């Protein structure tokens, strides 16, 4: 069964629009990676994907990855060094818990979009949009194993 069954075209648009809205007010960068399975530790896998997507190469080290393994029900939010030193200690856990509550209702896109908006607000506070800002990373969802 495909990971895509959880995400209609409308869902994908909802998520990418949330990324674009969040990034409108910040120089920070947000990516979403979705796959079917995550073997092993979810944070290790998220760190691997973070590196593979070259998210550590943003100028201010302010990239945020939302990682979801749908079938294994594993979810992580990973922020780069620049944002992690600015946000409150339990910030990512709070967003993660709210998203998981939506996932349990089978509302994956809603959970991701809501979390992205909250992350964008925090990024805006610490990394406001600059006139010369460049979108350093794609806003499109990356999909792993289908």
N, C-alpha and C. Protein backbone atom coordinates (compact mmCIF):
# COMPACT_ATOMS: atom_id res chain seq x y z
N UNK A 1 0.83 -1.18 0.00
CA UNK A 1 0.00 0.00 0.00
C UNK A 1 0.88 1.25 0.00
N UNK A 2 0.54 2.20 -0.79
CA UNK A 2 1.37 3.38 -0.99
C UNK A 2 1.20 4.40 0.14
N UNK A 3 2.29 5.11 0.43
CA UNK A 3 2.24 6.20 1.40
C UNK A 3 1.34 7.31 0.88
N UNK A 4 1.19 7.40 -0.42
CA UNK A 4 0.38 8.44 -1.02
C UNK A 4 -1.10 8.33 -0.66
N UNK A 5 -1.55 7.15 -0.25
CA UNK A 5 -2.98 6.99 0.06
C UNK A 5 -3.40 7.90 1.20
N UNK A 6 -2.45 8.33 2.00
CA UNK A 6 -2.75 9.21 3.12
C UNK A 6 -2.78 10.69 2.72
N UNK A 7 -2.34 10.99 1.48
CA UNK A 7 -2.20 12.38 1.07
C UNK A 7 -2.77 12.59 -0.33
N UNK A 8 -3.92 13.24 -0.38
CA UNK A 8 -4.52 13.60 -1.67
C UNK A 8 -3.74 14.79 -2.24
N UNK A 9 -4.03 15.14 -3.47
CA UNK A 9 -3.41 16.33 -4.06
C UNK A 9 -3.75 17.56 -3.22
N UNK A 10 -4.98 17.61 -2.74
CA UNK A 10 -5.40 18.73 -1.89
C UNK A 10 -4.59 18.77 -0.59
N UNK A 11 -4.34 17.60 0.01
CA UNK A 11 -3.52 17.53 1.22
C UNK A 11 -2.11 18.03 0.97
N UNK A 12 -1.53 17.59 -0.15
CA UNK A 12 -0.16 18.02 -0.49
C UNK A 12 -0.11 19.53 -0.67
N UNK A 13 -1.13 20.08 -1.33
CA UNK A 13 -1.20 21.52 -1.53
C UNK A 13 -1.35 22.25 -0.19
N UNK A 14 -2.15 21.69 0.70
CA UNK A 14 -2.34 22.27 2.04
C UNK A 14 -0.99 22.37 2.76
N UNK A 15 -0.19 21.32 2.68
CA UNK A 15 1.11 21.30 3.36
C UNK A 15 2.09 22.27 2.70
N UNK A 16 2.20 22.24 1.38
CA UNK A 16 3.14 23.15 0.72
C UNK A 16 2.71 24.61 0.89
N UNK A 17 1.40 24.86 0.92
CA UNK A 17 0.94 26.23 1.17
C UNK A 17 1.29 26.68 2.59
N UNK A 18 1.18 25.77 3.56
CA UNK A 18 1.56 26.10 4.94
C UNK A 18 3.05 26.46 5.00
N UNK A 19 3.87 25.72 4.26
CA UNK A 19 5.30 26.03 4.21
C UNK A 19 5.51 27.42 3.62
N UNK A 20 4.87 27.68 2.50
CA UNK A 20 5.05 28.98 1.84
C UNK A 20 4.59 30.14 2.72
N UNK A 21 3.46 29.96 3.39
CA UNK A 21 2.96 31.01 4.29
C UNK A 21 3.93 31.21 5.45
N UNK A 22 4.37 30.11 6.05
CA UNK A 22 5.31 30.21 7.18
C UNK A 22 6.60 30.91 6.76
N UNK A 23 7.09 30.58 5.56
CA UNK A 23 8.36 31.15 5.11
C UNK A 23 8.23 32.58 4.59
N UNK A 24 7.01 33.05 4.38
CA UNK A 24 6.80 34.42 3.92
C UNK A 24 7.32 35.43 4.93
N UNK A 25 7.27 35.08 6.19
CA UNK A 25 7.63 36.01 7.27
C UNK A 25 8.98 35.73 7.91
N UNK A 26 9.74 34.82 7.34
CA UNK A 26 11.00 34.43 7.97
C UNK A 26 12.05 34.08 6.93
N UNK A 27 13.30 34.15 7.35
CA UNK A 27 14.38 33.67 6.50
C UNK A 27 14.60 32.17 6.74
N UNK A 28 13.88 31.61 7.71
CA UNK A 28 14.00 30.18 8.01
C UNK A 28 13.45 29.33 6.88
N UNK A 29 13.83 28.06 6.91
CA UNK A 29 13.43 27.12 5.86
C UNK A 29 12.78 25.89 6.49
N UNK A 30 11.67 25.46 5.93
CA UNK A 30 10.94 24.30 6.44
C UNK A 30 10.80 23.27 5.32
N UNK A 31 11.06 22.02 5.65
CA UNK A 31 10.87 20.91 4.71
C UNK A 31 10.02 19.84 5.37
N UNK A 32 9.32 19.08 4.56
CA UNK A 32 8.54 17.94 5.03
C UNK A 32 8.99 16.73 4.23
N UNK A 33 9.29 15.65 4.96
CA UNK A 33 9.65 14.39 4.31
C UNK A 33 8.73 13.31 4.86
N UNK A 34 8.10 12.58 3.94
CA UNK A 34 7.15 11.54 4.32
C UNK A 34 7.56 10.23 3.66
N UNK A 35 7.54 9.19 4.46
CA UNK A 35 7.77 7.86 3.91
C UNK A 35 6.90 6.86 4.65
N UNK A 36 6.90 5.65 4.14
CA UNK A 36 6.03 4.61 4.67
C UNK A 36 6.58 4.05 5.98
N UNK A 37 7.85 3.68 5.99
CA UNK A 37 8.44 3.01 7.15
C UNK A 37 9.69 3.73 7.64
N UNK A 38 9.95 3.56 8.92
CA UNK A 38 11.18 4.05 9.55
C UNK A 38 11.72 2.91 10.39
N UNK A 39 12.78 2.31 9.90
CA UNK A 39 13.42 1.25 10.67
C UNK A 39 14.38 1.90 11.65
N UNK A 40 14.29 1.53 12.89
CA UNK A 40 15.19 2.10 13.89
C UNK A 40 14.65 3.37 14.52
N UNK A 41 15.55 4.15 15.09
CA UNK A 41 15.20 5.35 15.83
C UNK A 41 14.75 6.47 14.90
N UNK A 42 13.63 7.08 15.21
CA UNK A 42 13.06 8.11 14.35
C UNK A 42 13.96 9.35 14.26
N UNK A 43 14.61 9.73 15.35
CA UNK A 43 15.50 10.90 15.30
C UNK A 43 16.74 10.63 14.46
N UNK A 44 17.24 9.41 14.52
CA UNK A 44 18.38 9.06 13.67
C UNK A 44 17.99 9.13 12.20
N UNK A 45 16.82 8.61 11.89
CA UNK A 45 16.35 8.65 10.49
C UNK A 45 16.10 10.09 10.05
N UNK A 46 15.49 10.90 10.91
CA UNK A 46 15.24 12.30 10.57
C UNK A 46 16.56 13.03 10.35
N UNK A 47 17.56 12.75 11.17
CA UNK A 47 18.88 13.39 11.00
C UNK A 47 19.50 12.98 9.67
N UNK A 48 19.34 11.72 9.29
CA UNK A 48 19.85 11.24 8.01
C UNK A 48 19.17 11.99 6.85
N UNK A 49 17.85 12.12 6.91
CA UNK A 49 17.10 12.81 5.86
C UNK A 49 17.47 14.30 5.84
N UNK A 50 17.62 14.90 7.02
CA UNK A 50 18.02 16.30 7.15
C UNK A 50 19.32 16.53 6.38
N UNK A 51 20.27 15.63 6.59
CA UNK A 51 21.56 15.72 5.90
C UNK A 51 21.40 15.47 4.40
N UNK A 52 20.63 14.45 4.05
CA UNK A 52 20.43 14.10 2.64
C UNK A 52 19.78 15.25 1.86
N UNK A 53 18.87 15.98 2.51
CA UNK A 53 18.21 17.11 1.88
C UNK A 53 19.06 18.39 1.96
N UNK A 54 20.25 18.25 2.53
CA UNK A 54 21.22 19.35 2.68
C UNK A 54 20.64 20.55 3.42
N UNK A 55 19.84 20.26 4.43
CA UNK A 55 19.20 21.32 5.19
C UNK A 55 20.17 22.07 6.09
N UNK A 56 21.31 21.48 6.38
CA UNK A 56 22.33 22.13 7.21
C UNK A 56 23.08 23.21 6.44
N UNK A 57 22.79 23.36 5.17
CA UNK A 57 23.53 24.32 4.35
C UNK A 57 22.85 25.69 4.26
N UNK A 58 21.80 25.92 5.04
CA UNK A 58 21.20 27.25 5.03
C UNK A 58 22.16 28.22 5.71
N UNK A 59 22.16 29.43 5.25
CA UNK A 59 23.13 30.43 5.72
C UNK A 59 23.09 30.62 7.23
N UNK A 60 21.88 30.69 7.80
CA UNK A 60 21.75 30.95 9.24
C UNK A 60 21.50 29.69 10.06
N UNK A 61 21.61 28.53 9.41
CA UNK A 61 21.38 27.24 10.08
C UNK A 61 20.01 27.21 10.76
N UNK A 62 19.00 27.66 10.00
CA UNK A 62 17.66 27.77 10.56
C UNK A 62 16.63 26.93 9.79
N UNK A 63 17.06 25.76 9.37
CA UNK A 63 16.16 24.83 8.71
C UNK A 63 15.43 23.96 9.72
N UNK A 64 14.19 23.57 9.38
CA UNK A 64 13.39 22.70 10.23
C UNK A 64 12.81 21.59 9.36
N UNK A 65 13.01 20.35 9.79
CA UNK A 65 12.47 19.20 9.07
C UNK A 65 11.33 18.57 9.86
N UNK A 66 10.20 18.38 9.18
CA UNK A 66 9.10 17.59 9.71
C UNK A 66 9.20 16.23 9.03
N UNK A 67 9.47 15.19 9.81
CA UNK A 67 9.66 13.84 9.27
C UNK A 67 8.53 12.95 9.75
N UNK A 68 7.89 12.24 8.82
CA UNK A 68 6.78 11.35 9.17
C UNK A 68 6.92 10.02 8.45
N UNK A 69 6.91 8.94 9.23
CA UNK A 69 6.83 7.58 8.68
C UNK A 69 5.41 7.10 8.98
N UNK A 70 4.56 7.15 7.99
CA UNK A 70 3.12 6.96 8.17
C UNK A 70 2.77 5.59 8.74
N UNK A 71 3.21 4.54 8.09
CA UNK A 71 2.80 3.19 8.50
C UNK A 71 3.35 2.80 9.88
N UNK A 72 4.53 3.28 10.21
CA UNK A 72 5.13 2.96 11.51
C UNK A 72 4.73 3.95 12.60
N UNK A 73 3.96 4.96 12.22
CA UNK A 73 3.50 5.97 13.15
C UNK A 73 4.66 6.60 13.93
N UNK A 74 5.69 6.99 13.19
CA UNK A 74 6.84 7.66 13.79
C UNK A 74 6.92 9.07 13.22
N UNK A 75 7.19 10.03 14.10
CA UNK A 75 7.19 11.43 13.72
C UNK A 75 8.26 12.17 14.50
N UNK A 76 8.98 13.04 13.81
CA UNK A 76 10.01 13.85 14.46
C UNK A 76 10.06 15.22 13.82
N UNK A 77 10.43 16.18 14.61
CA UNK A 77 10.71 17.53 14.11
C UNK A 77 12.14 17.82 14.49
N UNK A 78 12.93 18.17 13.50
CA UNK A 78 14.36 18.39 13.72
C UNK A 78 14.73 19.79 13.25
N UNK A 79 15.23 20.58 14.18
CA UNK A 79 15.67 21.92 13.85
C UNK A 79 17.19 21.98 13.78
N UNK A 80 17.71 22.84 12.93
CA UNK A 80 19.16 23.01 12.81
C UNK A 80 19.68 23.81 14.00
N UNK A 81 20.99 23.90 14.11
CA UNK A 81 21.64 24.53 15.26
C UNK A 81 21.19 25.96 15.49
N UNK A 82 21.03 26.73 14.43
CA UNK A 82 20.66 28.14 14.58
C UNK A 82 19.32 28.35 15.24
N UNK A 83 18.32 27.56 14.84
CA UNK A 83 16.99 27.70 15.43
C UNK A 83 16.93 27.02 16.79
N UNK A 84 17.61 25.90 16.96
CA UNK A 84 17.55 25.19 18.23
C UNK A 84 18.10 26.00 19.39
N UNK A 85 19.06 26.87 19.13
CA UNK A 85 19.59 27.67 20.23
C UNK A 85 18.67 28.84 20.58
N UNK A 86 17.63 29.07 19.79
CA UNK A 86 16.72 30.19 20.03
C UNK A 86 15.37 29.79 20.62
N UNK A 87 14.86 28.63 20.24
CA UNK A 87 13.51 28.26 20.68
C UNK A 87 13.52 27.73 22.11
N UNK A 88 12.36 27.84 22.80
CA UNK A 88 12.26 27.29 24.16
C UNK A 88 12.55 25.79 24.17
N UNK A 89 12.98 25.29 25.31
CA UNK A 89 13.46 23.91 25.42
C UNK A 89 12.48 22.86 24.90
N UNK A 90 11.21 22.95 25.21
CA UNK A 90 10.25 21.92 24.81
C UNK A 90 9.44 22.30 23.58
N UNK A 91 9.91 23.28 22.85
CA UNK A 91 9.14 23.81 21.72
C UNK A 91 8.79 22.74 20.69
N UNK A 92 9.78 21.98 20.22
CA UNK A 92 9.50 20.98 19.19
C UNK A 92 8.59 19.88 19.72
N UNK A 93 8.76 19.51 21.00
CA UNK A 93 7.91 18.48 21.59
C UNK A 93 6.45 18.92 21.64
N UNK A 94 6.22 20.19 21.96
CA UNK A 94 4.84 20.70 22.01
C UNK A 94 4.19 20.65 20.63
N UNK A 95 4.91 21.07 19.61
CA UNK A 95 4.37 21.01 18.25
C UNK A 95 4.13 19.55 17.85
N UNK A 96 5.09 18.71 18.18
CA UNK A 96 4.99 17.29 17.85
C UNK A 96 3.75 16.66 18.50
N UNK A 97 3.53 16.95 19.78
CA UNK A 97 2.38 16.39 20.48
C UNK A 97 1.06 16.84 19.85
N UNK A 98 0.98 18.12 19.48
CA UNK A 98 -0.24 18.63 18.83
C UNK A 98 -0.45 17.95 17.47
N UNK A 99 0.61 17.77 16.72
CA UNK A 99 0.49 17.12 15.41
C UNK A 99 0.05 15.67 15.57
N UNK A 100 0.64 14.97 16.52
CA UNK A 100 0.29 13.56 16.73
C UNK A 100 -1.18 13.42 17.10
N UNK A 101 -1.71 14.37 17.87
CA UNK A 101 -3.14 14.33 18.20
C UNK A 101 -3.98 14.36 16.93
N UNK A 102 -3.57 15.16 15.95
CA UNK A 102 -4.29 15.22 14.67
C UNK A 102 -4.08 13.94 13.86
N UNK A 103 -2.86 13.38 13.92
CA UNK A 103 -2.58 12.13 13.20
C UNK A 103 -3.49 11.02 13.69
N UNK A 104 -3.75 10.99 15.00
CA UNK A 104 -4.61 9.94 15.58
C UNK A 104 -6.04 10.04 15.06
N UNK A 105 -6.42 11.21 14.56
CA UNK A 105 -7.73 11.40 13.93
C UNK A 105 -7.64 11.12 12.44
N UNK A 106 -6.49 10.62 11.99
CA UNK A 106 -6.22 10.35 10.59
C UNK A 106 -6.20 11.65 9.76
N UNK A 107 -5.80 12.74 10.40
CA UNK A 107 -5.71 14.05 9.74
C UNK A 107 -4.24 14.44 9.64
N UNK A 108 -3.53 13.70 8.82
CA UNK A 108 -2.08 13.89 8.69
C UNK A 108 -1.74 15.28 8.15
N UNK A 109 -2.43 15.69 7.10
CA UNK A 109 -2.13 17.00 6.49
C UNK A 109 -2.43 18.13 7.47
N UNK A 110 -3.54 18.03 8.20
CA UNK A 110 -3.88 19.06 9.18
C UNK A 110 -2.81 19.15 10.27
N UNK A 111 -2.37 18.00 10.76
CA UNK A 111 -1.35 17.99 11.80
C UNK A 111 -0.05 18.60 11.34
N UNK A 112 0.37 18.24 10.12
CA UNK A 112 1.60 18.81 9.57
C UNK A 112 1.45 20.31 9.32
N UNK A 113 0.35 20.71 8.69
CA UNK A 113 0.15 22.12 8.37
C UNK A 113 0.11 22.98 9.63
N UNK A 114 -0.61 22.52 10.66
CA UNK A 114 -0.68 23.27 11.91
C UNK A 114 0.70 23.41 12.55
N UNK A 115 1.46 22.32 12.55
CA UNK A 115 2.81 22.36 13.12
C UNK A 115 3.74 23.28 12.35
N UNK A 116 3.60 23.27 11.04
CA UNK A 116 4.43 24.13 10.18
C UNK A 116 4.15 25.60 10.48
N UNK A 117 2.87 25.93 10.64
CA UNK A 117 2.50 27.32 10.95
C UNK A 117 3.12 27.74 12.28
N UNK A 118 3.04 26.88 13.29
CA UNK A 118 3.62 27.20 14.61
C UNK A 118 5.14 27.34 14.51
N UNK A 119 5.78 26.47 13.77
CA UNK A 119 7.24 26.57 13.59
C UNK A 119 7.57 27.88 12.88
N UNK A 120 6.76 28.25 11.89
CA UNK A 120 6.98 29.49 11.16
C UNK A 120 6.89 30.72 12.06
N UNK A 121 5.96 30.68 13.02
CA UNK A 121 5.83 31.79 13.96
C UNK A 121 7.10 31.94 14.80
N UNK A 122 7.64 30.83 15.24
CA UNK A 122 8.86 30.87 16.04
C UNK A 122 10.05 31.31 15.18
N UNK A 123 10.11 30.82 13.95
CA UNK A 123 11.17 31.25 13.05
C UNK A 123 11.09 32.75 12.78
N UNK A 124 9.86 33.24 12.60
CA UNK A 124 9.67 34.67 12.35
C UNK A 124 10.21 35.50 13.52
N UNK A 125 9.97 35.04 14.74
CA UNK A 125 10.42 35.78 15.92
C UNK A 125 11.94 35.89 15.98
N UNK A 126 12.62 34.85 15.54
CA UNK A 126 14.08 34.80 15.67
C UNK A 126 14.83 35.05 14.37
N UNK A 127 14.17 34.79 13.25
CA UNK A 127 14.80 34.95 11.94
C UNK A 127 13.81 35.66 11.01
N UNK A 128 13.57 36.97 11.25
CA UNK A 128 12.59 37.68 10.43
C UNK A 128 12.99 37.71 8.96
N UNK A 129 12.00 37.86 8.12
CA UNK A 129 12.21 37.95 6.68
C UNK A 129 13.10 39.15 6.36
N UNK A 130 14.03 38.96 5.45
CA UNK A 130 14.92 40.03 4.99
C UNK A 130 14.57 40.35 3.54
N UNK A 131 14.73 41.59 3.14
CA UNK A 131 14.41 41.99 1.77
C UNK A 131 15.19 41.20 0.73
N UNK A 132 16.39 40.79 1.08
CA UNK A 132 17.21 40.03 0.14
C UNK A 132 17.10 38.52 0.36
N UNK A 133 16.07 38.10 1.08
CA UNK A 133 15.91 36.68 1.40
C UNK A 133 15.73 35.84 0.14
N UNK A 134 16.37 34.70 0.15
CA UNK A 134 16.27 33.75 -0.95
C UNK A 134 15.70 32.45 -0.39
N UNK A 135 14.78 31.83 -1.10
CA UNK A 135 14.25 30.54 -0.67
C UNK A 135 15.34 29.51 -0.92
N UNK A 136 16.03 29.12 0.14
CA UNK A 136 17.20 28.26 0.00
C UNK A 136 16.87 26.79 -0.21
N UNK A 137 15.69 26.36 0.22
CA UNK A 137 15.31 24.95 0.09
C UNK A 137 13.92 24.84 -0.54
N UNK A 138 13.69 23.77 -1.24
CA UNK A 138 12.41 23.53 -1.89
C UNK A 138 11.28 23.50 -0.86
N UNK A 139 10.11 23.98 -1.27
CA UNK A 139 8.92 23.91 -0.42
C UNK A 139 8.14 22.62 -0.66
N UNK A 140 8.51 21.88 -1.68
CA UNK A 140 7.79 20.66 -2.03
C UNK A 140 8.05 19.56 -1.01
N UNK A 141 7.07 18.72 -0.79
CA UNK A 141 7.21 17.58 0.10
C UNK A 141 8.14 16.58 -0.58
N UNK A 142 9.06 16.01 0.18
CA UNK A 142 9.87 14.93 -0.38
C UNK A 142 9.28 13.62 0.16
N UNK A 143 9.19 12.66 -0.71
CA UNK A 143 8.66 11.36 -0.34
C UNK A 143 9.76 10.33 -0.45
N UNK A 144 9.82 9.47 0.55
CA UNK A 144 10.79 8.37 0.53
C UNK A 144 10.12 7.15 -0.05
N UNK A 145 10.33 6.05 0.61
CA UNK A 145 9.78 4.76 0.19
C UNK A 145 8.27 4.88 0.02
N UNK A 146 7.79 4.48 -1.13
CA UNK A 146 6.37 4.58 -1.43
C UNK A 146 5.66 3.29 -1.09
